[in-house]
Amino acid sequence: MSVGATLPDGPHERVIEYVAPFATASREDGYRVAWAFFEGGER
């Protein structure tokens, strides 16, 4: 919950929810791609 006091009416409480616009990535696949790149296998 966040309380904002920047409005002329006084403080207002609100809930801010952040939703990722993407699916969670596989960490193992990410490491595989990174290792291939740094070893020169994928450029």
N, C-alpha and C. Protein backbone atom coordinates (compact mmCIF):
# COMPACT_ATOMS: atom_id res chain seq x y z
N MET A 1 0.84 -1.16 0.00
CA MET A 1 0.00 0.00 0.00
C MET A 1 0.89 1.24 0.00
N SER A 2 0.45 2.24 -0.69
CA SER A 2 1.21 3.48 -0.81
C SER A 2 0.31 4.65 -0.39
N VAL A 3 0.88 5.57 0.33
CA VAL A 3 0.13 6.77 0.72
C VAL A 3 0.77 7.95 -0.01
N GLY A 4 -0.03 8.60 -0.85
CA GLY A 4 0.47 9.75 -1.59
C GLY A 4 -0.11 11.03 -1.01
N ALA A 5 0.74 11.99 -0.71
CA ALA A 5 0.29 13.25 -0.14
C ALA A 5 0.54 14.41 -1.09
N THR A 6 0.55 14.13 -2.39
CA THR A 6 0.86 15.17 -3.36
C THR A 6 -0.39 15.80 -3.98
N LEU A 7 -1.56 15.28 -3.66
CA LEU A 7 -2.79 15.82 -4.22
C LEU A 7 -3.34 16.93 -3.33
N PRO A 8 -4.04 17.90 -3.92
CA PRO A 8 -4.55 19.02 -3.13
C PRO A 8 -5.60 18.60 -2.09
N ASP A 9 -6.26 17.45 -2.29
CA ASP A 9 -7.29 16.97 -1.36
C ASP A 9 -6.69 16.39 -0.08
N GLY A 10 -5.39 16.17 -0.04
CA GLY A 10 -4.75 15.54 1.12
C GLY A 10 -4.28 14.14 0.77
N PRO A 11 -3.80 13.42 1.76
CA PRO A 11 -3.25 12.07 1.53
C PRO A 11 -4.32 11.09 1.01
N HIS A 12 -3.90 10.24 0.09
CA HIS A 12 -4.76 9.18 -0.46
C HIS A 12 -4.00 7.87 -0.38
N GLU A 13 -4.70 6.82 0.04
CA GLU A 13 -4.10 5.48 0.07
C GLU A 13 -4.47 4.77 -1.21
N ARG A 14 -3.52 4.01 -1.74
CA ARG A 14 -3.80 3.21 -2.93
C ARG A 14 -2.88 2.01 -2.95
N VAL A 15 -3.35 0.97 -3.62
CA VAL A 15 -2.56 -0.25 -3.79
C VAL A 15 -2.02 -0.25 -5.21
N ILE A 16 -0.70 -0.39 -5.34
CA ILE A 16 -0.08 -0.44 -6.65
C ILE A 16 0.42 -1.87 -6.87
N GLU A 17 -0.05 -2.49 -7.93
CA GLU A 17 0.32 -3.87 -8.22
C GLU A 17 1.07 -3.90 -9.55
N TYR A 18 2.28 -4.44 -9.51
CA TYR A 18 3.10 -4.55 -10.71
C TYR A 18 2.99 -5.96 -11.26
N VAL A 19 2.63 -6.07 -12.52
CA VAL A 19 2.48 -7.37 -13.18
C VAL A 19 3.45 -7.41 -14.35
N ALA A 20 4.29 -8.42 -14.35
CA ALA A 20 5.27 -8.56 -15.43
C ALA A 20 4.57 -8.93 -16.73
N PRO A 21 4.94 -8.30 -17.85
CA PRO A 21 4.31 -8.59 -19.13
C PRO A 21 4.95 -9.78 -19.86
N PHE A 22 5.65 -10.62 -19.14
CA PHE A 22 6.35 -11.72 -19.80
C PHE A 22 6.28 -12.95 -18.90
N ALA A 23 6.54 -14.10 -19.50
CA ALA A 23 6.59 -15.35 -18.75
C ALA A 23 7.96 -15.47 -18.08
N THR A 24 8.01 -16.16 -16.97
CA THR A 24 9.30 -16.32 -16.31
C THR A 24 10.20 -17.21 -17.15
N ALA A 25 11.43 -16.83 -17.27
CA ALA A 25 12.38 -17.56 -18.09
C ALA A 25 12.98 -18.72 -17.29
N SER A 26 13.45 -19.71 -18.01
CA SER A 26 14.13 -20.83 -17.37
C SER A 26 15.57 -20.43 -17.11
N ARG A 27 15.97 -20.47 -15.88
CA ARG A 27 17.34 -20.07 -15.52
C ARG A 27 18.36 -21.02 -16.17
N GLU A 28 18.04 -22.30 -16.23
CA GLU A 28 18.98 -23.26 -16.85
C GLU A 28 19.17 -22.96 -18.33
N ASP A 29 18.09 -22.64 -19.03
CA ASP A 29 18.22 -22.29 -20.46
C ASP A 29 19.01 -21.00 -20.62
N GLY A 30 18.81 -20.05 -19.74
CA GLY A 30 19.56 -18.79 -19.80
C GLY A 30 21.05 -19.01 -19.62
N TYR A 31 21.42 -19.86 -18.65
CA TYR A 31 22.84 -20.17 -18.43
C TYR A 31 23.42 -20.88 -19.65
N ARG A 32 22.66 -21.77 -20.25
CA ARG A 32 23.12 -22.51 -21.42
C ARG A 32 23.43 -21.53 -22.56
N VAL A 33 22.54 -20.59 -22.80
CA VAL A 33 22.74 -19.60 -23.86
C VAL A 33 23.95 -18.71 -23.54
N ALA A 34 24.06 -18.29 -22.29
CA ALA A 34 25.18 -17.42 -21.90
C ALA A 34 26.51 -18.13 -22.06
N TRP A 35 26.60 -19.37 -21.60
CA TRP A 35 27.87 -20.11 -21.72
C TRP A 35 28.24 -20.31 -23.19
N ALA A 36 27.25 -20.61 -24.03
CA ALA A 36 27.53 -20.78 -25.46
C ALA A 36 28.06 -19.48 -26.06
N PHE A 37 27.48 -18.36 -25.65
CA PHE A 37 27.94 -17.06 -26.17
C PHE A 37 29.37 -16.76 -25.73
N PHE A 38 29.66 -16.93 -24.44
CA PHE A 38 30.98 -16.58 -23.93
C PHE A 38 32.07 -17.54 -24.38
N GLU A 39 31.67 -18.76 -24.73
CA GLU A 39 32.66 -19.71 -25.26
C GLU A 39 32.85 -19.53 -26.76
N GLY A 40 32.08 -18.63 -27.38
CA GLY A 40 32.24 -18.34 -28.80
C GLY A 40 31.41 -19.25 -29.68
N GLY A 41 30.51 -20.02 -29.11
CA GLY A 41 29.70 -20.94 -29.91
C GLY A 41 28.50 -20.28 -30.54
N GLU A 42 28.08 -19.12 -30.05
CA GLU A 42 26.90 -18.46 -30.59
C GLU A 42 27.14 -16.97 -30.65
N ARG A 43 27.29 -16.44 -31.84
CA ARG A 43 27.54 -15.00 -32.00
C ARG A 43 26.60 -14.39 -32.97
